Protein backbone atom coordinates (compact mmCIF):
# COMPACT_ATOMS: atom_id res chain seq x y z
CA UNK A 1 0.00 0.00 0.00
CA UNK A 2 1.36 3.43 -0.94
CA UNK A 3 1.93 6.09 1.71
CA UNK A 4 -0.97 8.15 0.33
CA UNK A 5 -3.31 5.16 0.25
CA UNK A 6 -2.39 4.31 3.84
CA UNK A 7 -3.13 7.88 4.96
CA UNK A 8 -6.51 7.76 3.23
CA UNK A 9 -7.54 5.05 5.69
CA UNK A 10 -7.81 7.83 8.27
CA UNK A 11 -11.40 8.81 9.16
CA UNK A 12 -11.34 12.07 7.18
CA UNK A 13 -12.13 10.11 4.02
CA UNK A 14 -14.73 7.71 2.66
CA UNK A 15 -14.53 4.83 0.19
CA UNK A 16 -15.19 7.18 -2.71
CA UNK A 17 -12.06 9.18 -1.90
CA UNK A 18 -9.99 6.02 -1.53
CA UNK A 19 -11.24 4.67 -4.86
CA UNK A 20 -10.47 8.01 -6.51
CA UNK A 21 -6.82 7.86 -5.44
CA UNK A 22 -6.49 4.24 -6.50
CA UNK A 23 -7.85 5.03 -9.97
CA UNK A 24 -5.61 8.05 -10.47
CA UNK A 25 -2.52 6.17 -9.24
CA UNK A 26 -3.30 3.30 -11.63
CA UNK A 27 -3.90 5.76 -14.48
CA UNK A 28 -0.56 7.47 -13.90
CA UNK A 29 1.24 4.13 -13.63
CA UNK A 30 -0.29 2.92 -16.90
CA UNK A 31 1.37 5.76 -18.78
CA UNK A 32 0.10 7.77 -21.69
CA UNK A 33 0.59 11.08 -19.90
CA UNK A 34 3.28 13.62 -20.84
CA UNK A 35 6.80 12.60 -19.83
CA UNK A 36 8.63 14.64 -17.22
CA UNK A 37 10.12 17.78 -18.70
CA UNK A 38 13.88 18.29 -18.93
CA UNK A 39 15.27 20.98 -16.57
CA UNK A 40 16.80 22.60 -19.66
CA UNK A 41 13.48 22.86 -21.49
CA UNK A 42 12.78 26.09 -23.37
CA UNK A 43 9.83 28.35 -22.57
CA UNK A 44 8.00 27.06 -25.66
CA UNK A 45 8.53 23.48 -24.47
CA UNK A 46 7.20 24.35 -21.00
CA UNK A 47 4.12 25.98 -22.53
CA UNK A 48 3.50 22.97 -24.76
CA UNK A 49 4.02 20.58 -21.85
CA UNK A 50 1.43 22.38 -19.71
CA UNK A 51 -1.06 22.40 -22.58
CA UNK A 52 -0.45 18.68 -23.04
CA UNK A 53 -1.11 17.97 -19.35
CA UNK A 54 -4.34 20.00 -19.45
CA UNK A 55 -5.52 18.07 -22.52
CA UNK A 56 -4.59 14.70 -21.02
CA UNK A 57 -6.24 15.38 -17.67
CA UNK A 58 -9.34 16.66 -19.45
CA UNK A 59 -9.59 13.74 -21.86
CA UNK A 60 -9.32 11.23 -18.99
CA UNK A 61 -11.99 13.00 -16.95
CA UNK A 62 -9.85 14.26 -14.08
CA UNK A 63 -10.52 17.94 -14.69
CA UNK A 64 -14.24 17.37 -14.10
CA UNK A 65 -13.30 17.14 -10.43
CA UNK A 66 -11.86 20.68 -10.49
CA UNK A 67 -15.14 22.18 -11.72
CA UNK A 68 -18.38 22.48 -9.73
CA UNK A 69 -21.80 21.81 -11.24
CA UNK A 70 -22.83 18.68 -13.13
CA UNK A 71 -24.83 20.85 -15.53
CA UNK A 72 -21.59 22.56 -16.55
CA UNK A 73 -19.23 19.62 -16.92
CA UNK A 74 -18.34 19.09 -13.27
CA UNK A 75 -18.30 15.70 -11.58
CA UNK A 76 -20.56 16.93 -8.76
CA UNK A 77 -22.67 19.96 -7.90
CA UNK A 78 -20.13 21.39 -5.45
CA UNK A 79 -16.35 21.35 -5.22
CA UNK A 80 -15.16 18.71 -2.76
CA UNK A 81 -12.03 19.95 -1.01
CA UNK A 82 -10.83 16.49 -0.05
CA UNK A 83 -11.08 15.39 -3.67
CA UNK A 84 -9.00 18.38 -4.78
CA UNK A 85 -6.42 17.56 -2.12
CA UNK A 86 -6.18 13.88 -3.05
CA UNK A 87 -5.68 14.69 -6.70
CA UNK A 88 -3.11 17.41 -6.06
CA UNK A 89 -1.15 15.28 -3.59
CA UNK A 90 -1.09 12.34 -5.99
CA UNK A 91 -0.21 14.42 -9.04
CA UNK A 92 2.48 16.41 -7.20
CA UNK A 93 4.18 13.21 -6.09
CA UNK A 94 4.24 12.19 -9.76
CA UNK A 95 5.17 15.45 -11.56
CA UNK A 96 5.03 19.06 -10.39
CA UNK A 97 3.72 20.32 -13.74
CA UNK A 98 0.90 17.76 -13.63
CA UNK A 99 -0.21 19.24 -10.32
CA UNK A 100 0.18 22.76 -11.71
CA UNK A 101 -2.00 22.00 -14.74
CA UNK A 102 -4.78 20.52 -12.61
CA UNK A 103 -4.63 23.18 -9.89
CA UNK A 104 -4.76 26.15 -12.23
CA UNK A 105 -7.81 24.78 -14.05
CA UNK A 106 -9.53 24.71 -10.68
CA UNK A 107 -8.25 28.01 -9.29
CA UNK A 108 -8.67 29.83 -12.59
CA UNK A 109 -12.30 28.81 -12.94
CA UNK A 110 -13.12 28.58 -9.22
CA UNK A 111 -14.69 32.03 -8.97
CA UNK A 112 -16.96 31.20 -11.91
CA UNK A 113 -17.96 27.95 -10.20
CA UNK A 114 -18.74 29.83 -6.98
CA UNK A 115 -20.46 32.99 -8.27
CA UNK A 116 -20.80 32.92 -12.04
CA UNK A 117 -24.15 33.49 -13.73
CA UNK A 118 -25.66 30.43 -15.44
CA UNK A 119 -24.59 31.93 -18.76
CA UNK A 120 -20.96 32.40 -17.70
CA UNK A 121 -20.83 28.93 -16.19
CA UNK A 122 -22.17 27.35 -19.36
CA UNK A 123 -19.81 29.36 -21.55
CA UNK A 124 -16.58 28.62 -19.66
CA UNK A 125 -16.80 25.64 -17.33
CA UNK A 126 -17.51 22.75 -19.75
CA UNK A 127 -14.45 23.59 -21.87
CA UNK A 128 -12.31 23.86 -18.71
CA UNK A 129 -13.52 20.43 -17.57
CA UNK A 130 -12.73 18.91 -20.98
CA UNK A 131 -9.25 20.44 -21.04
CA UNK A 132 -10.13 22.48 -24.12
CA UNK A 133 -9.74 25.91 -22.47
CA UNK A 134 -7.01 27.01 -20.07
CA UNK A 135 -8.00 29.15 -17.07
CA UNK A 136 -6.03 31.67 -14.99
CA UNK A 137 -6.54 33.63 -11.75
CA UNK A 138 -5.29 37.24 -11.84
CA UNK A 139 -5.14 38.84 -8.39
CA UNK A 140 -1.51 39.85 -7.73
CA UNK A 141 -0.01 43.15 -8.89
CA UNK A 142 3.52 44.61 -8.85
CA UNK A 143 2.72 46.44 -5.58
CA UNK A 144 -0.14 44.26 -4.36
CA UNK A 145 0.72 40.62 -3.83
CA UNK A 146 -0.08 39.50 -0.31
CA UNK A 147 -1.38 43.02 0.37
CA UNK A 148 -4.54 42.82 -1.73
CA UNK A 149 -5.81 46.11 -0.25
CA UNK A 150 -3.11 47.93 -2.24
CA UNK A 151 -4.62 46.85 -5.57
CA UNK A 152 -4.55 49.61 -8.18
CA UNK A 153 -6.04 48.04 -11.32
CA UNK A 154 -9.34 49.80 -12.01
CA UNK A 155 -12.61 48.94 -13.72
CA UNK A 156 -15.02 51.64 -14.94
CA UNK A 157 -18.47 51.04 -16.37
CA UNK A 158 -18.96 52.40 -19.90
CA UNK A 159 -22.46 51.62 -21.15
CA UNK A 160 -22.63 47.93 -22.07
CA UNK A 161 -18.97 47.38 -21.18
CA UNK A 162 -16.45 47.50 -18.37
CA UNK A 163 -13.09 49.13 -19.08
CA UNK A 164 -10.06 47.82 -17.17
CA UNK A 165 -6.73 49.62 -16.70
CA UNK A 166 -3.68 48.47 -14.77
CA UNK A 167 -1.29 45.55 -14.40
CA UNK A 168 -1.31 42.06 -12.94
CA UNK A 169 1.84 40.03 -12.38
CA UNK A 170 3.03 36.57 -11.33
CA UNK A 171 -0.02 35.22 -13.15
CA UNK A 172 0.23 31.46 -13.58
CA UNK A 173 -0.83 30.30 -17.06
CA UNK A 174 -0.15 33.87 -18.18
CA UNK A 175 0.53 33.74 -21.91
CA UNK A 176 -1.24 30.42 -22.56
CA UNK A 177 -4.60 30.97 -20.82
CA UNK A 178 -7.79 31.35 -22.85
CA UNK A 179 -9.36 33.53 -20.16
CA UNK A 180 -8.49 35.24 -16.87
CA UNK A 181 -10.56 35.88 -13.75
CA UNK A 182 -9.39 39.40 -12.94
CA UNK A 183 -9.87 41.40 -9.74
CA UNK A 184 -9.95 45.19 -10.04
CA UNK A 185 -11.00 48.25 -8.09
CA UNK A 186 -14.41 49.44 -9.30
CA UNK A 187 -14.46 53.18 -9.94
CA UNK A 188 -17.45 55.34 -10.75
CA UNK A 189 -16.97 57.56 -13.83
CA UNK A 190 -15.37 60.86 -12.87
CA UNK A 191 -14.44 59.71 -9.36
CA UNK A 192 -11.03 59.09 -7.76
CA UNK A 193 -10.13 55.42 -7.10
CA UNK A 194 -10.04 54.27 -3.48
CA UNK A 195 -6.41 54.52 -2.35
CA UNK A 196 -6.52 51.37 -0.22
CA UNK A 197 -9.05 48.92 1.08
CA UNK A 198 -11.20 46.10 -0.21
CA UNK A 199 -14.71 47.62 -0.36
CA UNK A 200 -14.40 48.61 -4.03
CA UNK A 201 -12.82 45.40 -5.35
CA UNK A 202 -14.83 43.66 -8.08
CA UNK A 203 -14.23 40.55 -10.23
CA UNK A 204 -14.45 39.99 -13.99
CA UNK A 205 -13.89 37.32 -16.62
CA UNK A 206 -11.56 38.59 -19.34
CA UNK A 207 -10.94 36.60 -22.52
CA UNK A 208 -7.31 36.40 -23.62
CA UNK A 209 -8.15 38.12 -26.90
CA UNK A 210 -10.07 41.01 -25.29
CA UNK A 211 -9.10 44.35 -26.86
CA UNK A 212 -6.70 46.21 -24.57
CA UNK A 213 -5.24 43.13 -22.87
CA UNK A 214 -1.67 42.21 -23.72
CA UNK A 215 1.08 40.02 -22.31
CA UNK A 216 3.53 42.66 -21.12
CA UNK A 217 6.25 40.22 -20.06
CA UNK A 218 6.83 36.50 -19.75
CA UNK A 219 8.48 35.60 -16.44
CA UNK A 220 10.99 32.78 -15.97
CA UNK A 221 11.30 31.13 -12.55
CA UNK A 222 13.37 28.38 -10.92
CA UNK A 223 10.64 25.73 -11.38
CA UNK A 224 9.55 26.51 -14.96
CA UNK A 225 5.86 27.00 -15.67
CA UNK A 226 3.88 29.53 -17.72
CA UNK A 227 3.97 32.85 -15.89
CA UNK A 228 3.42 36.41 -17.07
CA UNK A 229 2.77 40.06 -16.34
CA UNK A 230 -0.47 41.30 -17.89
CA UNK A 231 -1.21 44.86 -19.00
CA UNK A 232 -4.77 46.20 -19.23
CA UNK A 233 -4.90 49.36 -21.33
CA UNK A 234 -8.49 50.43 -21.87
CA UNK A 235 -9.40 46.74 -21.94
CA UNK A 236 -13.10 46.45 -22.86
CA UNK A 237 -15.20 43.49 -21.78
CA UNK A 238 -18.97 42.93 -21.89
CA UNK A 239 -20.92 44.05 -18.81
CA UNK A 240 -22.18 40.47 -18.48
CA UNK A 241 -18.62 39.35 -17.68
CA UNK A 242 -18.74 40.93 -14.22
CA UNK A 243 -18.64 38.16 -11.61
CA UNK A 244 -18.96 40.39 -8.55
CA UNK A 245 -19.32 44.15 -8.21
CA UNK A 246 -17.69 46.45 -5.63
CA UNK A 247 -17.21 44.82 -2.25
CA UNK A 248 -18.26 41.34 -3.33
CA UNK A 249 -15.12 40.89 -5.41
CA UNK A 250 -12.75 40.70 -2.46
CA UNK A 251 -15.03 38.22 -0.67
CA UNK A 252 -15.14 36.11 -3.82
CA UNK A 253 -11.35 36.10 -4.05
CA UNK A 254 -11.06 34.99 -0.42
CA UNK A 255 -13.72 32.30 -0.84
CA UNK A 256 -11.88 30.97 -3.87
CA UNK A 257 -8.56 30.96 -2.02
CA UNK A 258 -10.12 29.23 1.00
CA UNK A 259 -11.01 26.32 -1.30
CA UNK A 260 -7.66 26.08 -3.03
CA UNK A 261 -5.28 27.18 -0.25
CA UNK A 262 -5.81 23.82 1.45
CA UNK A 263 -5.01 22.09 -1.83
CA UNK A 264 -1.68 23.96 -1.96
CA UNK A 265 -0.87 22.22 1.32
CA UNK A 266 -1.80 18.91 -0.33
CA UNK A 267 0.55 19.59 -3.25
CA UNK A 268 3.37 20.33 -0.81
CA UNK A 269 2.50 17.10 0.98
CA UNK A 270 2.82 15.22 -2.32
CA UNK A 271 6.27 16.71 -2.89
CA UNK A 272 7.29 15.80 0.67
CA UNK A 273 6.07 12.21 0.35
CA UNK A 274 8.04 11.77 -2.88
CA UNK A 275 11.14 13.26 -1.21
CA UNK A 276 10.80 10.91 1.78
CA UNK A 277 10.52 7.94 -0.58
CA UNK A 278 13.59 9.09 -2.53
CA UNK A 279 15.51 9.62 0.72
CA UNK A 280 14.61 6.16 1.98
CA UNK A 281 15.63 4.57 -1.30
CA UNK A 282 19.00 6.30 -1.22
CA UNK A 283 19.67 5.56 2.44
CA UNK A 284 18.92 1.86 2.09
CA UNK A 285 21.11 1.33 -1.00
CA UNK A 286 24.06 3.71 -0.59
CA UNK A 287 27.18 2.26 1.04
CA UNK A 288 29.21 4.40 3.43
CA UNK A 289 31.98 3.52 5.90
CA UNK A 290 31.53 -0.19 5.28
CA UNK A 291 27.79 -0.22 5.91
CA UNK A 292 24.59 1.16 4.46
CA UNK A 293 23.83 4.83 5.00
CA UNK A 294 20.61 3.85 6.79
CA UNK A 295 22.59 1.97 9.44
CA UNK A 296 23.99 5.24 10.78
CA UNK A 297 22.01 6.63 13.71
CA UNK A 298 22.24 10.16 12.28
CA UNK A 299 20.46 8.92 9.16
CA UNK A 300 17.77 7.18 11.18
CA UNK A 301 17.15 10.36 13.17
CA UNK A 302 16.86 12.37 9.94
CA UNK A 303 14.39 9.89 8.46
CA UNK A 304 12.35 9.94 11.67
CA UNK A 305 12.10 13.74 11.55
CA UNK A 306 11.08 13.60 7.90
CA UNK A 307 8.32 11.06 8.57
CA UNK A 308 7.07 13.05 11.56
CA UNK A 309 6.92 16.25 9.50
CA UNK A 310 4.99 14.53 6.70
CA UNK A 311 2.38 13.01 9.03
CA UNK A 312 1.89 16.25 10.98
CA UNK A 313 1.33 18.17 7.72
CA UNK A 314 -1.04 15.49 6.47
CA UNK A 315 -3.18 15.67 9.60
CA UNK A 316 -3.50 19.46 9.38
CA UNK A 317 -4.21 19.36 5.64
CA UNK A 318 -6.85 16.66 5.86
CA UNK A 319 -8.49 18.35 8.84
CA UNK A 320 -8.87 21.61 6.92
CA UNK A 321 -10.26 19.82 3.87
CA UNK A 322 -12.69 17.73 5.93
CA UNK A 323 -13.97 20.71 7.89
CA UNK A 324 -14.64 22.74 4.76
CA UNK A 325 -16.53 19.82 3.23
CA UNK A 326 -18.65 19.77 6.40
CA UNK A 327 -19.63 23.38 5.72
CA UNK A 328 -17.34 25.13 8.21
CA UNK A 329 -15.35 28.31 7.59
CA UNK A 330 -11.73 27.17 7.54
CA UNK A 331 -9.72 30.38 7.37
CA UNK A 332 -7.55 29.40 10.33
CA UNK A 333 -7.35 25.70 9.49
CA UNK A 334 -6.42 26.36 5.86
CA UNK A 335 -3.72 28.81 6.92
CA UNK A 336 -2.30 26.31 9.41
CA UNK A 337 -2.32 23.56 6.80
CA UNK A 338 -0.58 25.64 4.14
CA UNK A 339 2.02 26.98 6.57
CA UNK A 340 2.86 23.59 8.08
CA UNK A 341 2.82 21.64 4.83
CA UNK A 342 4.85 24.04 2.70
CA UNK A 343 7.46 24.87 5.34
CA UNK A 344 7.64 21.21 6.35
CA UNK A 345 8.01 20.01 2.77
CA UNK A 346 10.94 22.40 2.29
CA UNK A 347 12.70 20.77 5.26
CA UNK A 348 11.89 17.22 4.14
CA UNK A 349 13.11 17.84 0.59
CA UNK A 350 16.28 19.50 1.86
CA UNK A 351 16.93 16.47 4.07
CA UNK A 352 16.32 14.07 1.19
CA UNK A 353 18.75 15.99 -1.00
CA UNK A 354 21.33 15.85 1.78
CA UNK A 355 20.95 12.06 1.91
CA UNK A 356 21.65 11.94 -1.81
CA UNK A 357 24.84 13.93 -1.32
CA UNK A 358 26.52 15.38 -4.40
CA UNK A 359 24.21 13.43 -6.70
CA UNK A 360 21.25 15.28 -5.20
CA UNK A 361 22.15 18.60 -6.79
CA UNK A 362 22.66 17.10 -10.23
CA UNK A 363 20.24 18.48 -12.78
CA UNK A 364 17.58 15.90 -13.62
CA UNK A 365 17.56 14.12 -10.26
CA UNK A 366 14.12 13.84 -8.65
CA UNK A 367 15.27 15.47 -5.40
CA UNK A 368 16.83 18.36 -7.35
CA UNK A 369 13.53 18.94 -9.19
CA UNK A 370 11.58 18.75 -5.93
CA UNK A 371 13.96 21.30 -4.38
CA UNK A 372 13.03 23.78 -7.11
CA UNK A 373 9.33 22.83 -7.16
CA UNK A 374 8.63 23.44 -3.48
CA UNK A 375 10.06 26.92 -3.10
CA UNK A 376 7.25 28.86 -4.77
CA UNK A 377 4.56 27.15 -2.66
CA UNK A 378 5.83 29.01 0.39
CA UNK A 379 4.96 32.28 -1.39
CA UNK A 380 1.96 31.95 -3.69
CA UNK A 381 -1.65 32.04 -2.47
CA UNK A 382 -0.41 33.80 0.65
CA UNK A 383 3.22 33.71 1.79
CA UNK A 384 4.12 31.87 4.99
CA UNK A 385 4.34 35.13 6.90
CA UNK A 386 0.82 36.03 5.78
CA UNK A 387 -0.43 32.65 7.02
CA UNK A 388 1.11 33.44 10.42
CA UNK A 389 -0.77 36.75 10.50
CA UNK A 390 -4.03 35.02 9.56
CA UNK A 391 -3.61 32.41 12.29
CA UNK A 392 -2.84 35.07 14.88
CA UNK A 393 -5.77 37.23 13.78
CA UNK A 394 -8.14 34.28 14.05
CA UNK A 395 -6.82 33.43 17.52
CA UNK A 396 -7.32 37.03 18.69
CA UNK A 397 -10.94 37.29 17.56
């Protein structure tokens, strides 16, 4: 029994969740999915690889689980957080870009699932579920990442259209997405935009070919995936593409993140489980000082710490997912899960690389790829320091 399958025996899950993992694991083992990308891959190769993963996951039905509403291509009427976590943990343990492709289809369309009109849901969600359209979530700005209240992108109503001006950056799937869910500060014609705050934030669906939207810059990062800075210059979209007007937009962003922040913890957990497995394999086969590396007490202590960190993160992650599926607000639990899982995974992966020694830093090794993959998870969807502030704020209420 795999480590993930063993953990799914815990009472947070039911037989449906266990069967889901078993089917995905068997599907991945059977092959037919994109091969792992070379660390030296070009930007065009990374883009093509992500598109290929989206198509493959859509064709095999897995993206239906990232979309809510059976009438719009989803596997069920509501998003199940535990399902999202199981899929992300399993995919992340297999290939970081597989997890990325699945997660961004869910996050990018999540606001439409939660608050879209029937017309918007029908227009966008079925193609997302089939892997025929790529979604993106555009919240961060050059001066407003974790500090959403500093957002400066504006949206003004102009008859039958909204007009957006400003920039978004660090947008995953930027440059390959077919549409973006964009958050902007709603401004009445002739008025001055709110300097700070969240009361005026609204949300919109913007097609990639909307007039006035351009890819200002493609961004390259240590774990390659499609990423871009977007520029909105008098970008005109139909009035019907407004998901939430002033005030409701910020709440929608937070509701969307509350669903997917827990799944970020699950992805980190998948990376950590793979690192622990790689560390165990190395320790039990590598000879050192006339014995196996695993025979050294220092190695045993390191492995024990790694296993403890993985199980602690798993318990926090599964608790947050289970509580949300029971209808509870999980702001604190999701923050705890993301903080513990991402910071813990960084330590576990670092320890696994240390067990591999010099070979661990060689380009193309699994532990080297995991070392690059994990770093961004401690920043996106709320940096670790922001999660600490959230936890403290919830405790002080």
